[in-house]
Protein backbone atom coordinates (compact mmCIF):
# COMPACT_ATOMS: atom_id res chain seq x y z
CA MET A 1 0.85 -30.25 -2.72
CA ASP A 2 1.03 -26.59 -3.75
CA THR A 3 -2.69 -26.60 -4.53
CA LEU A 4 -3.55 -28.21 -1.19
CA LYS A 5 -1.28 -25.84 0.69
CA SER A 6 -2.70 -22.80 -1.11
CA SER A 7 -6.28 -23.90 -0.42
CA LEU A 8 -5.43 -24.11 3.28
CA ILE A 9 -3.82 -20.66 3.23
CA TRP A 10 -6.79 -19.08 1.44
CA PHE A 11 -9.23 -20.76 3.82
CA THR A 12 -7.24 -19.65 6.88
CA GLY A 13 -6.85 -16.09 5.60
CA ILE A 14 -10.51 -15.66 4.71
CA THR A 15 -11.63 -17.17 8.02
CA TYR A 16 -9.23 -14.86 9.85
CA MET A 17 -10.66 -11.82 8.04
CA VAL A 18 -14.27 -12.79 8.73
CA ILE A 19 -13.71 -13.47 12.44
CA LEU A 20 -11.73 -10.27 12.96
CA PHE A 21 -14.30 -8.32 10.99
CA ILE A 22 -16.80 -8.87 13.79
CA ILE A 23 -14.34 -7.45 16.34
CA THR A 24 -13.39 -4.59 14.02
CA PHE A 25 -17.05 -3.74 13.41
CA LEU A 26 -17.70 -3.49 17.14
CA ILE A 27 -14.68 -1.19 17.58
CA TRP A 28 -15.91 0.91 14.65
CA ILE A 29 -19.34 1.30 16.23
CA LEU A 30 -17.87 2.31 19.59
CA THR A 31 -15.37 4.81 18.15
CA LEU A 32 -17.52 6.25 15.36
CA PRO A 33 -18.85 9.23 17.40
CA PHE A 34 -15.39 10.64 18.18
CA ASP A 35 -12.96 9.10 15.65
CA LYS A 36 -13.89 11.11 12.57
CA GLU A 37 -10.60 10.41 10.79
CA ARG A 38 -10.93 6.66 11.51
CA LYS A 39 -7.45 6.60 13.07
CA ILE A 40 -8.35 3.84 15.52
CA ILE A 41 -9.82 1.52 12.90
CA HIS A 42 -6.82 2.14 10.66
CA MET A 43 -4.38 1.06 13.38
CA VAL A 44 -6.53 -1.97 14.20
CA LEU A 45 -6.21 -3.04 10.56
CA MET A 46 -2.46 -2.40 10.62
CA TYR A 47 -1.90 -4.69 13.59
CA GLN A 48 -4.19 -7.35 12.14
CA SER A 49 -2.07 -7.34 8.98
CA LEU A 50 1.14 -7.47 11.01
CA PHE A 51 -0.11 -10.51 12.92
CA MET A 52 -1.14 -12.31 9.72
CA CYS A 53 2.23 -11.67 8.09
CA ARG A 54 4.18 -12.90 11.11
CA VAL A 55 2.31 -16.18 11.52
CA MET A 56 2.49 -17.26 7.86
CA PRO A 57 5.27 -19.87 7.54
CA ILE A 58 5.69 -19.64 3.75
CA TRP A 59 7.69 -16.43 3.63
CA LYS A 60 10.39 -14.51 5.46
CA ILE A 61 9.91 -10.75 5.63
CA ASN A 62 12.78 -8.28 5.94
CA ILE A 63 11.70 -4.70 6.67
CA THR A 64 14.31 -1.94 6.53
CA GLY A 65 14.17 1.84 6.86
CA ARG A 66 10.88 2.04 8.74
CA GLU A 67 12.33 4.83 10.90
CA LYS A 68 12.82 7.07 7.85
CA ALA A 69 9.20 8.22 8.06
CA ARG A 70 9.32 10.86 10.75
CA LYS A 71 6.48 11.01 13.23
CA GLY A 72 4.26 14.04 12.68
CA VAL A 73 5.29 14.51 9.03
CA THR A 74 2.67 14.02 6.32
CA TYR A 75 3.72 12.10 3.21
CA VAL A 76 2.52 10.98 -0.17
CA ILE A 77 3.57 7.34 0.17
CA ILE A 78 4.20 5.35 -2.99
CA SER A 79 5.30 1.79 -3.68
CA ASN A 80 5.89 -0.55 -6.59
CA HIS A 81 3.25 -3.26 -6.94
CA GLN A 82 3.97 -6.95 -7.58
CA SER A 83 1.19 -8.80 -5.76
CA ILE A 84 -1.96 -8.44 -3.72
CA LEU A 85 0.30 -9.32 -0.77
CA ASP A 86 1.88 -5.86 -1.07
CA ILE A 87 -1.08 -4.44 0.83
CA LEU A 88 -0.27 -6.61 3.84
CA MET A 89 3.41 -5.68 3.61
CA ILE A 90 2.72 -1.94 3.56
CA ASN A 91 0.32 -2.33 6.48
CA CYS A 92 3.09 -4.02 8.49
CA LEU A 93 4.88 -0.66 8.62
CA CYS A 94 2.03 0.59 10.84
CA TYR A 95 2.20 4.12 9.46
CA ARG A 96 -0.75 6.46 9.74
CA PHE A 97 -2.25 6.99 6.28
CA LYS A 98 -5.30 6.55 4.09
CA TRP A 99 -5.19 3.97 1.33
CA ILE A 100 -6.27 5.03 -2.15
CA SER A 101 -7.88 1.95 -3.64
CA LYS A 102 -9.51 1.10 -6.95
CA ILE A 103 -13.29 1.18 -6.63
CA GLU A 104 -13.61 -2.48 -7.63
CA ASN A 105 -12.31 -3.47 -4.20
CA MET A 106 -15.40 -1.95 -2.61
CA LYS A 107 -17.47 -4.71 -4.18
CA VAL A 108 -15.42 -7.49 -2.56
CA PRO A 109 -17.18 -8.89 0.54
CA VAL A 110 -15.38 -8.18 3.84
CA LEU A 111 -12.55 -6.29 2.09
CA GLY A 112 -14.95 -3.61 0.87
CA TRP A 113 -16.50 -3.37 4.33
CA TYR A 114 -13.05 -2.84 5.85
CA LEU A 115 -12.32 -0.07 3.33
CA ARG A 116 -15.56 1.73 4.23
CA MET A 117 -15.05 1.43 7.99
CA ALA A 118 -11.53 2.87 7.74
CA GLY A 119 -12.69 5.75 5.55
CA TYR A 120 -10.19 4.94 2.81
CA LEU A 121 -10.39 6.68 -0.54
CA THR A 122 -11.46 5.01 -3.77
CA VAL A 123 -11.17 5.87 -7.44
CA ASP A 124 -12.69 4.62 -10.65
CA ARG A 125 -9.66 4.62 -12.93
CA ASP A 126 -11.84 4.88 -16.04
CA ASP A 127 -13.85 7.87 -14.81
CA LYS A 128 -12.28 11.33 -15.03
CA GLU A 129 -14.73 12.83 -12.52
CA SER A 130 -13.98 10.06 -10.02
CA LYS A 131 -10.27 10.80 -10.32
CA GLU A 132 -10.88 14.49 -9.65
CA VAL A 133 -13.00 13.73 -6.58
CA MET A 134 -10.36 11.33 -5.26
CA LEU A 135 -7.59 13.89 -5.76
CA GLU A 136 -9.59 16.52 -3.89
CA LYS A 137 -10.27 14.18 -0.96
CA ALA A 138 -6.64 13.04 -0.88
CA TYR A 139 -5.45 16.66 -0.96
CA ASN A 140 -7.73 17.53 1.96
CA SER A 141 -6.41 14.52 3.87
CA LEU A 142 -2.83 15.71 3.35
CA ILE A 143 -3.69 19.24 4.45
CA ARG A 144 -5.32 17.84 7.61
CA GLY A 145 -2.11 15.96 8.41
CA THR A 146 -2.93 12.42 7.28
CA SER A 147 -0.66 10.78 4.72
CA VAL A 148 -2.03 8.96 1.68
CA MET A 149 -0.75 5.70 0.25
CA LEU A 150 -1.09 4.49 -3.32
CA PHE A 151 0.52 2.36 -6.01
CA PRO A 152 1.39 4.75 -8.87
CA GLU A 153 1.59 1.86 -11.35
CA GLY A 154 -2.16 1.44 -10.82
CA THR A 155 -1.98 -2.33 -11.17
CA ARG A 156 0.27 -5.27 -10.33
CA SER A 157 3.34 -5.94 -12.44
CA VAL A 158 3.31 -9.18 -14.41
CA ASP A 159 7.11 -9.45 -14.57
CA ARG A 160 8.04 -8.04 -11.13
CA GLN A 161 9.65 -5.01 -12.80
CA ILE A 162 8.52 -1.44 -12.18
CA GLY A 163 6.15 -0.18 -14.84
CA PHE A 164 4.76 3.18 -15.92
CA PHE A 165 3.88 5.54 -13.04
CA ARG A 166 0.62 7.46 -13.31
CA ARG A 167 0.66 11.15 -12.46
CA GLY A 168 -1.87 11.28 -9.56
CA ALA A 169 0.49 10.74 -6.61
CA PHE A 170 2.93 13.31 -7.94
CA GLN A 171 0.23 15.84 -8.68
CA LEU A 172 -0.85 15.53 -5.05
CA ALA A 173 2.69 15.98 -3.72
CA ILE A 174 3.26 19.08 -5.86
CA GLN A 175 -0.09 20.70 -5.05
CA ALA A 176 0.02 19.98 -1.31
CA GLY A 177 3.75 20.67 -1.00
CA LYS A 178 4.33 17.35 0.77
CA PRO A 179 7.34 15.01 0.62
CA ILE A 180 7.15 11.71 -1.21
CA LEU A 181 8.04 8.56 0.73
CA PRO A 182 9.08 5.79 -1.70
CA ILE A 183 8.86 2.15 -0.64
CA LEU A 184 10.38 -0.76 -2.54
CA ILE A 185 8.82 -4.21 -2.27
CA ASP A 186 10.38 -7.31 -3.76
CA GLY A 187 9.57 -10.99 -3.48
CA THR A 188 5.79 -10.83 -3.21
CA GLY A 189 5.42 -11.44 -6.93
CA GLY A 190 7.25 -14.72 -6.49
CA VAL A 191 5.01 -15.84 -3.64
CA LEU A 192 1.72 -14.88 -5.30
CA PRO A 193 1.99 -13.35 -8.80
CA LYS A 194 -0.68 -11.35 -10.58
CA HIS A 195 -3.71 -13.49 -11.51
CA GLY A 196 -2.21 -16.35 -9.49
CA LEU A 197 -3.96 -18.29 -6.73
CA ILE A 198 -1.19 -20.73 -5.86
CA PHE A 199 1.21 -19.70 -3.09
CA LYS A 200 4.86 -20.63 -3.56
CA ASN A 201 7.45 -21.35 -0.88
CA GLY A 202 11.06 -20.32 -0.61
CA HIS A 203 10.78 -16.60 -1.27
CA ASN A 204 12.20 -13.87 0.90
CA ILE A 205 10.16 -10.66 0.87
CA THR A 206 11.91 -7.33 1.26
CA VAL A 207 10.16 -4.10 2.23
CA SER A 208 12.61 -1.21 2.00
CA VAL A 209 11.55 2.30 3.02
CA MET A 210 13.69 4.77 1.12
CA ASP A 211 14.67 8.32 2.05
CA PRO A 212 11.78 10.80 1.81
CA VAL A 213 12.08 13.28 -1.06
CA PRO A 214 11.05 16.80 0.02
CA PRO A 215 9.13 19.04 -2.39
CA GLU A 216 12.08 21.43 -2.75
CA SER A 217 14.00 18.54 -4.37
CA PHE A 218 11.38 17.80 -7.03
CA ASN A 219 12.91 20.34 -9.43
CA THR A 220 9.73 20.40 -11.48
CA ASP A 221 6.08 21.42 -11.26
CA ASP A 222 5.08 18.91 -13.91
CA PRO A 223 3.63 15.72 -12.33
CA ASP A 224 4.31 13.71 -15.48
CA ILE A 225 8.00 14.56 -15.38
CA LEU A 226 8.13 13.83 -11.65
CA ALA A 227 6.39 10.49 -12.20
CA LEU A 228 9.00 9.52 -14.79
CA LYS A 229 11.84 10.56 -12.48
CA PHE A 230 10.53 8.39 -9.65
CA SER A 231 9.85 5.47 -11.95
CA ASN A 232 13.44 5.52 -13.21
CA PHE A 233 14.87 6.15 -9.74
CA MET A 234 12.96 3.28 -8.14
CA SER A 235 13.72 0.91 -11.02
CA ILE A 236 17.43 1.48 -10.49
CA ALA A 237 17.03 1.06 -6.74
CA LEU A 238 15.16 -2.22 -7.26
CA ASP A 239 17.97 -3.55 -9.48
CA GLU A 240 20.51 -2.57 -6.81
CA LEU A 241 18.41 -4.21 -4.10
CA ARG A 242 18.32 -7.48 -6.04
CA ALA A 243 22.02 -7.32 -6.86
CA GLY A 244 22.81 -6.85 -3.17
CA SER A 245 20.68 -9.79 -2.13
CA GLU A 246 22.52 -12.10 -4.54
CA LYS A 247 25.91 -11.43 -2.95
């Protein structure tokens, strides 16, 4: 039954993406001359994700703290990463930002086309020059007033715990002097774990936006130290989140 159910979900999701791609492409063509930052396309994708998350009957989503991101403030947004579903969950917040995605996603049909239309940033994690180009583009985006969003772990966790944080997000926050907005996600790894294709029922998904951390509270100019601080801080917060949900 799980295999049959999952096949139906994958078929529905892919069909949904393909059909909406046609609409999104038309909007992109019409707005391309005046929407240089791709703000319109970004919001179209946000609301598409929100609709998909709300109509799926296999999970219950609890979003808290969305109001903590102040309108008009530019952030380096970070989140832990349990599942490919995390992308949908982050999109449900409907914040204005640019995703930083691994370059492999550009090769995926439909998904890669969406990334290009929205003007999102990509990085080849094995190429030093690609990382430098990405950091420069992300820095320019922050200076222009558009937040950036990335998973500092760089890949999905296999055990739903928070792993090692890479330095890139924290280097950006220090250089641009922008606050970091941490987001905790839990439950997605139970619905669709890394390398898994079978969706599982009975999981509640929590998306918790935490208090922004301003640059004057970093207490370091070393991105590696800052990465470690946030990794430890968010690991403790995740444990507390789970302990609270068990009561």
